[in-house]
């Protein structure tokens, strides 16, 4: 596809007869995908200013048709592919030690401490505001006794 192309549209057809004529094709659906916006550096690094997108189509046993794309320039697609490949490696090799973790998927101890400190601050602030703006009336005092 072109470097400046905003998205991809996939038209899916199914061959519903034994013959190979055009009348035997039935329209299944139109699938639209937005592409990751490239920076000027990423655009200039592409060969011939052309972008390659992988398109996959699957029809399951129930007849549900799924279309997916893989953009090697999209960081989300790359992270999902890496995660999927690690999961497949764990399934095929039970002794596989997955020591390489995605930094995006895990929280570091420093981040945990920062989150806990923020939570404690918000809780203390909540209690302080409740105490500062809570007025005890004589009726409330009478109910206590």
C-alpha atoms as a PDB file:
ATOM      1  CA  UNK A   1       0.000   0.000   0.000  1.00  0.00           C
ATOM      2  CA  UNK A   2       0.978   3.645  -0.298  1.00  0.00           C
ATOM      3  CA  UNK A   3       2.840   5.304   2.585  1.00  0.00           C
ATOM      4  CA  UNK A   4       0.129   7.949   3.075  1.00  0.00           C
ATOM      5  CA  UNK A   5      -2.735   5.449   2.892  1.00  0.00           C
ATOM      6  CA  UNK A   6      -5.029   5.823   5.922  1.00  0.00           C
ATOM      7  CA  UNK A   7      -6.583   2.361   5.855  1.00  0.00           C
ATOM      8  CA  UNK A   8      -7.290  -0.890   4.059  1.00  0.00           C
ATOM      9  CA  UNK A   9     -10.607  -2.283   2.801  1.00  0.00           C
ATOM     10  CA  UNK A  10     -10.891  -6.021   2.177  1.00  0.00           C
ATOM     11  CA  UNK A  11     -13.793  -7.387   0.117  1.00  0.00           C
ATOM     12  CA  UNK A  12     -14.405 -11.064   0.808  1.00  0.00           C
ATOM     13  CA  UNK A  13     -16.111 -13.465  -1.598  1.00  0.00           C
ATOM     14  CA  UNK A  14     -16.892 -17.161  -1.254  1.00  0.00           C
ATOM     15  CA  UNK A  15     -16.995 -19.696  -4.061  1.00  0.00           C
ATOM     16  CA  UNK A  16     -20.376 -21.433  -3.597  1.00  0.00           C
ATOM     17  CA  UNK A  17     -20.469 -23.843  -6.549  1.00  0.00           C
ATOM     18  CA  UNK A  18     -18.414 -26.516  -8.208  1.00  0.00           C
ATOM     19  CA  UNK A  19     -17.752 -24.484 -11.362  1.00  0.00           C
ATOM     20  CA  UNK A  20     -15.191 -21.714 -11.459  1.00  0.00           C
ATOM     21  CA  UNK A  21     -17.359 -19.019 -13.037  1.00  0.00           C
ATOM     22  CA  UNK A  22     -17.764 -15.501 -11.660  1.00  0.00           C
ATOM     23  CA  UNK A  23     -21.473 -16.109 -11.025  1.00  0.00           C
ATOM     24  CA  UNK A  24     -20.562 -18.739  -8.407  1.00  0.00           C
ATOM     25  CA  UNK A  25     -18.983 -16.115  -6.132  1.00  0.00           C
ATOM     26  CA  UNK A  26     -21.066 -14.846  -3.230  1.00  0.00           C
ATOM     27  CA  UNK A  27     -20.225 -11.624  -1.396  1.00  0.00           C
ATOM     28  CA  UNK A  28     -19.359 -12.347   2.266  1.00  0.00           C
ATOM     29  CA  UNK A  29     -18.531  -8.902   3.573  1.00  0.00           C
ATOM     30  CA  UNK A  30     -16.504  -5.728   3.536  1.00  0.00           C
ATOM     31  CA  UNK A  31     -13.844  -5.310   6.224  1.00  0.00           C
ATOM     32  CA  UNK A  32     -12.241  -1.930   6.949  1.00  0.00           C
ATOM     33  CA  UNK A  33      -9.027  -1.419   8.925  1.00  0.00           C
ATOM     34  CA  UNK A  34      -7.234   1.772   9.908  1.00  0.00           C
ATOM     35  CA  UNK A  35      -3.460   1.711   9.590  1.00  0.00           C
ATOM     36  CA  UNK A  36      -0.922   2.989  12.091  1.00  0.00           C
ATOM     37  CA  UNK A  37       0.115   6.550  11.264  1.00  0.00           C
ATOM     38  CA  UNK A  38       3.797   6.667  10.346  1.00  0.00           C
ATOM     39  CA  UNK A  39       6.233   9.368  11.367  1.00  0.00           C
ATOM     40  CA  UNK A  40       8.302  11.047   8.666  1.00  0.00           C
ATOM     41  CA  UNK A  41      11.359   9.003   9.731  1.00  0.00           C
ATOM     42  CA  UNK A  42       9.394   5.748   9.438  1.00  0.00           C
ATOM     43  CA  UNK A  43       8.072   6.793   6.016  1.00  0.00           C
ATOM     44  CA  UNK A  44      11.512   7.589   4.669  1.00  0.00           C
ATOM     45  CA  UNK A  45      12.915   4.246   5.905  1.00  0.00           C
ATOM     46  CA  UNK A  46      10.379   2.219   3.868  1.00  0.00           C
ATOM     47  CA  UNK A  47      11.740   0.699   0.647  1.00  0.00           C
ATOM     48  CA  UNK A  48      10.334   2.430  -2.477  1.00  0.00           C
ATOM     49  CA  UNK A  49       7.961   4.358  -0.166  1.00  0.00           C
ATOM     50  CA  UNK A  50       5.692   1.302  -0.214  1.00  0.00           C
ATOM     51  CA  UNK A  51       4.122  -0.264   2.842  1.00  0.00           C
ATOM     52  CA  UNK A  52       3.482  -4.003   3.221  1.00  0.00           C
ATOM     53  CA  UNK A  53       0.438  -5.247   5.131  1.00  0.00           C
ATOM     54  CA  UNK A  54      -0.275  -8.943   5.773  1.00  0.00           C
ATOM     55  CA  UNK A  55      -3.943  -9.929   5.511  1.00  0.00           C
ATOM     56  CA  UNK A  56      -5.270 -13.165   6.967  1.00  0.00           C
ATOM     57  CA  UNK A  57      -8.690 -14.731   6.419  1.00  0.00           C
ATOM     58  CA  UNK A  58     -10.200 -17.626   8.341  1.00  0.00           C
ATOM     59  CA  UNK A  59     -13.550 -19.365   7.999  1.00  0.00           C
ATOM     60  CA  UNK A  60     -14.355 -21.590  10.969  1.00  0.00           C
ATOM     61  CA  UNK A  61     -16.519 -24.695  11.009  1.00  0.00           C
ATOM     62  CA  UNK A  62     -19.629 -22.647  11.896  1.00  0.00           C
ATOM     63  CA  UNK A  63     -19.177 -20.453   8.829  1.00  0.00           C
ATOM     64  CA  UNK A  64     -17.980 -17.409  10.758  1.00  0.00           C
ATOM     65  CA  UNK A  65     -15.579 -15.440   8.590  1.00  0.00           C
ATOM     66  CA  UNK A  66     -12.747 -13.483  10.219  1.00  0.00           C
ATOM     67  CA  UNK A  67     -10.340 -11.093   8.537  1.00  0.00           C
ATOM     68  CA  UNK A  68      -7.293  -9.717  10.305  1.00  0.00           C
ATOM     69  CA  UNK A  69      -4.298  -7.636   9.286  1.00  0.00           C
ATOM     70  CA  UNK A  70      -0.707  -7.401  10.487  1.00  0.00           C
ATOM     71  CA  UNK A  71       1.181  -4.148  10.014  1.00  0.00           C
ATOM     72  CA  UNK A  72       4.903  -4.597  10.772  1.00  0.00           C
ATOM     73  CA  UNK A  73       5.124  -0.836  11.359  1.00  0.00           C
ATOM     74  CA  UNK A  74       2.499  -0.873  14.145  1.00  0.00           C
ATOM     75  CA  UNK A  75       3.998  -1.322  17.639  1.00  0.00           C
ATOM     76  CA  UNK A  76       0.722  -2.790  18.958  1.00  0.00           C
ATOM     77  CA  UNK A  77       0.672  -5.444  16.237  1.00  0.00           C
ATOM     78  CA  UNK A  78       4.302  -6.348  16.950  1.00  0.00           C
ATOM     79  CA  UNK A  79       3.637  -6.643  20.710  1.00  0.00           C
ATOM     80  CA  UNK A  80       0.563  -8.851  20.107  1.00  0.00           C
ATOM     81  CA  UNK A  81       2.524 -11.073  17.723  1.00  0.00           C
ATOM     82  CA  UNK A  82       5.388 -11.446  20.216  1.00  0.00           C
ATOM     83  CA  UNK A  83       2.931 -12.297  23.014  1.00  0.00           C
ATOM     84  CA  UNK A  84       1.146 -14.856  20.807  1.00  0.00           C
ATOM     85  CA  UNK A  85       4.439 -16.469  19.777  1.00  0.00           C
ATOM     86  CA  UNK A  86       5.533 -16.757  23.429  1.00  0.00           C
ATOM     87  CA  UNK A  87       2.183 -18.372  24.322  1.00  0.00           C
ATOM     88  CA  UNK A  88       2.559 -20.851  21.460  1.00  0.00           C
ATOM     89  CA  UNK A  89       6.118 -21.625  22.583  1.00  0.00           C
ATOM     90  CA  UNK A  90       4.855 -22.340  26.126  1.00  0.00           C
ATOM     91  CA  UNK A  91       2.195 -24.698  24.750  1.00  0.00           C
ATOM     92  CA  UNK A  92       4.578 -26.608  22.483  1.00  0.00           C
ATOM     93  CA  UNK A  93       7.416 -26.756  25.053  1.00  0.00           C
ATOM     94  CA  UNK A  94       6.174 -27.143  28.654  1.00  0.00           C
ATOM     95  CA  UNK A  95       9.724 -26.615  29.968  1.00  0.00           C
ATOM     96  CA  UNK A  96       9.995 -23.254  28.195  1.00  0.00           C
ATOM     97  CA  UNK A  97      11.244 -20.597  30.619  1.00  0.00           C
ATOM     98  CA  UNK A  98       9.757 -17.234  29.697  1.00  0.00           C
ATOM     99  CA  UNK A  99      12.275 -14.957  31.374  1.00  0.00           C
ATOM    100  CA  UNK A 100      11.869 -12.233  28.755  1.00  0.00           C
ATOM    101  CA  UNK A 101       8.905 -10.148  29.824  1.00  0.00           C
ATOM    102  CA  UNK A 102       7.300  -7.268  28.018  1.00  0.00           C
ATOM    103  CA  UNK A 103       8.003  -4.092  29.923  1.00  0.00           C
ATOM    104  CA  UNK A 104       4.616  -2.785  28.767  1.00  0.00           C
ATOM    105  CA  UNK A 105       2.776  -5.766  30.278  1.00  0.00           C
ATOM    106  CA  UNK A 106       4.430  -5.745  33.710  1.00  0.00           C
ATOM    107  CA  UNK A 107       4.601  -3.178  36.491  1.00  0.00           C
ATOM    108  CA  UNK A 108       7.993  -2.532  38.077  1.00  0.00           C
ATOM    109  CA  UNK A 109       8.413  -2.382  41.870  1.00  0.00           C
ATOM    110  CA  UNK A 110       9.070   1.367  41.635  1.00  0.00           C
ATOM    111  CA  UNK A 111       5.744   1.846  39.855  1.00  0.00           C
ATOM    112  CA  UNK A 112       4.019  -0.283  42.500  1.00  0.00           C
ATOM    113  CA  UNK A 113       5.425   1.904  45.272  1.00  0.00           C
ATOM    114  CA  UNK A 114       4.385   5.057  43.418  1.00  0.00           C
ATOM    115  CA  UNK A 115       0.855   3.726  42.951  1.00  0.00           C
ATOM    116  CA  UNK A 116       0.594   2.738  46.615  1.00  0.00           C
ATOM    117  CA  UNK A 117       1.848   6.181  47.737  1.00  0.00           C
ATOM    118  CA  UNK A 118      -0.676   7.866  45.443  1.00  0.00           C
ATOM    119  CA  UNK A 119      -3.475   5.683  46.772  1.00  0.00           C
ATOM    120  CA  UNK A 120      -2.543   6.443  50.384  1.00  0.00           C
ATOM    121  CA  UNK A 121      -2.413  10.182  49.610  1.00  0.00           C
ATOM    122  CA  UNK A 122      -5.877  10.144  48.041  1.00  0.00           C
ATOM    123  CA  UNK A 123      -7.278   8.171  51.000  1.00  0.00           C
ATOM    124  CA  UNK A 124      -5.763  10.568  53.578  1.00  0.00           C
ATOM    125  CA  UNK A 125      -7.052  13.533  51.573  1.00  0.00           C
ATOM    126  CA  UNK A 126     -10.542  11.971  51.480  1.00  0.00           C
ATOM    127  CA  UNK A 127     -10.598  11.436  55.257  1.00  0.00           C
ATOM    128  CA  UNK A 128      -9.276  14.965  55.909  1.00  0.00           C
ATOM    129  CA  UNK A 129     -11.957  16.542  53.708  1.00  0.00           C
ATOM    130  CA  UNK A 130     -14.695  14.452  55.361  1.00  0.00           C
ATOM    131  CA  UNK A 131     -13.515  15.539  58.817  1.00  0.00           C
ATOM    132  CA  UNK A 132     -13.050  19.195  57.858  1.00  0.00           C
ATOM    133  CA  UNK A 133     -16.467  19.642  56.275  1.00  0.00           C
ATOM    134  CA  UNK A 134     -18.549  17.366  58.501  1.00  0.00           C
ATOM    135  CA  UNK A 135     -20.771  19.336  60.856  1.00  0.00           C
ATOM    136  CA  UNK A 136     -22.270  17.712  63.888  1.00  0.00           C
ATOM    137  CA  UNK A 137     -25.691  19.092  64.751  1.00  0.00           C
ATOM    138  CA  UNK A 138     -27.415  18.755  68.113  1.00  0.00           C
ATOM    139  CA  UNK A 139     -29.781  16.222  66.604  1.00  0.00           C
ATOM    140  CA  UNK A 140     -26.851  13.997  65.584  1.00  0.00           C
ATOM    141  CA  UNK A 141     -25.376  14.349  69.090  1.00  0.00           C
ATOM    142  CA  UNK A 142     -28.675  13.369  70.675  1.00  0.00           C
ATOM    143  CA  UNK A 143     -28.846  10.234  68.569  1.00  0.00           C
ATOM    144  CA  UNK A 144     -25.428   9.140  69.791  1.00  0.00           C
ATOM    145  CA  UNK A 145     -26.387   9.378  73.485  1.00  0.00           C
END
